[in-house]
Amino acid sequence: MANVKLEGISKSYSVVEVLKDIDLDIADGEFCVFVGPSGCGKSTLLRMIAGLEDITSGTLSIGGRKVNDLSPKERGIAMVFQSYALYPHRTVRGNMEFGLKLSRLPRAEIDKRVARAAKMLQIEHLLDRRPSQLSGGQRQRAAIGRAVVRDPSVFLFDEPLSNLDAALRVSTRREIADLHRELGATMIYVTHDQVEAMTLADRIVVLNDGVIQQVGSPMALYETPANLFVAQFIGSARMNIFDATVTALSDQTAVLAVAELGEVSIPVRGRTLAKGDAVKFGIRPEHLSPASDGPHNAQVRAVEHLGDQVLVEAALADGTALLLKAPPSAQLGHGEAMRFALDAQAVHLFDADGRAIAPVAP
């Protein structure tokens, strides 16, 4: 396998700059996920690594070898597409072995690789079927199998689960994770689904407007987002964000006037805060909870029962929306008044430019 290194990578179409000065080092054997909203540049970045898009500026290396001017087949990569891209007139076996035949591998080696990949992906019984005879999940496994038999240095996945239904997405996601563990391969995976990113990745690269916003482990991004964009993108449901002003400050505590929440005291240590500072106050729905003696008031607007929890959409007195999570036993209905409490230890603060202020003291 191989590491992938991007140094100052940029991509422009005429005067439109799609990717801006991307620096990233993906370790050998790492599962790295590119995530971000539609149009952020994640698929373009993946296609540049694959050799399907030219690099405007910068250096791309795979396994220590500069590959900017190499064709896709010379880069030692294999790509799994969103659309499966299977030849409809060929069987699963025919699709899996086609590239190996073009490479003039011996017949015995081709059969060995196809049999190994089919067993790994549990599609041995599908080898003689054509794509039209397969379900969506089976087609995707066949497409993954076609990549596996090439024994590439790097696997690239471009939103491979987006055409599958919810149940198949979960099972196929697990199969991809198992495949990574078994092969120990370097894998780069693009998705707009942050749940996929959180469950699959060793590291996540969050992109927005062609710029890397933050790189880190799933929990690092969840617990210590670098900025307001990452804070709201990572985590389901979205983080609640309110305008706030620092009204008092000591060595251990900051008091903030938070929109319609009123005054909230939070523990601080090592913050760069001053009295009178205007900040953004962030709190995740899971760190708010209904409480009959809670200090804050809201009115329930909608309730979603999710089995193990209840997602509540409420409104504060000024109409500001609020999301919180409650236990399944919570008895809440549309239009009801609700009191709630928040976990002051879990508050995130951001400055006027959206950058995270030093984390809350443990």
Foldseek 3Di string as FASTA:
>chain_A
DWKKWWAQWWDDDVPRTQAGGDGDIGGFLFEEEEAEDPSLCPVVVLCQLQQNDATPDTFMDIRNHTCRPPHNVVNQEAEQEQVLPADQVAFLLCRQQVVVVVVVDDPVLSVVLLVVLCVLLVCPVRRRPGPVPDDLLSSSSSSVSSRRSSVGQEYEYEQNCPVDDPVSSVVVLVSVQVVSVVSSHHYYYYDNDLVSVLVRGCKYFYGGSNYTQDIDHLVCLQQPPFFDVSQQSRDPPGKDKWKWFFADDDQFWTWIQTVLFGIDIATAHPWPDDHGAIKIKIAHQAQKEFDPPASAKWFWADWDQPPQWIWTWTAHPVRRIDIHIYGNPDDHDHGDMTHMYGDRQRMWIAHPVGGTIDHGDD
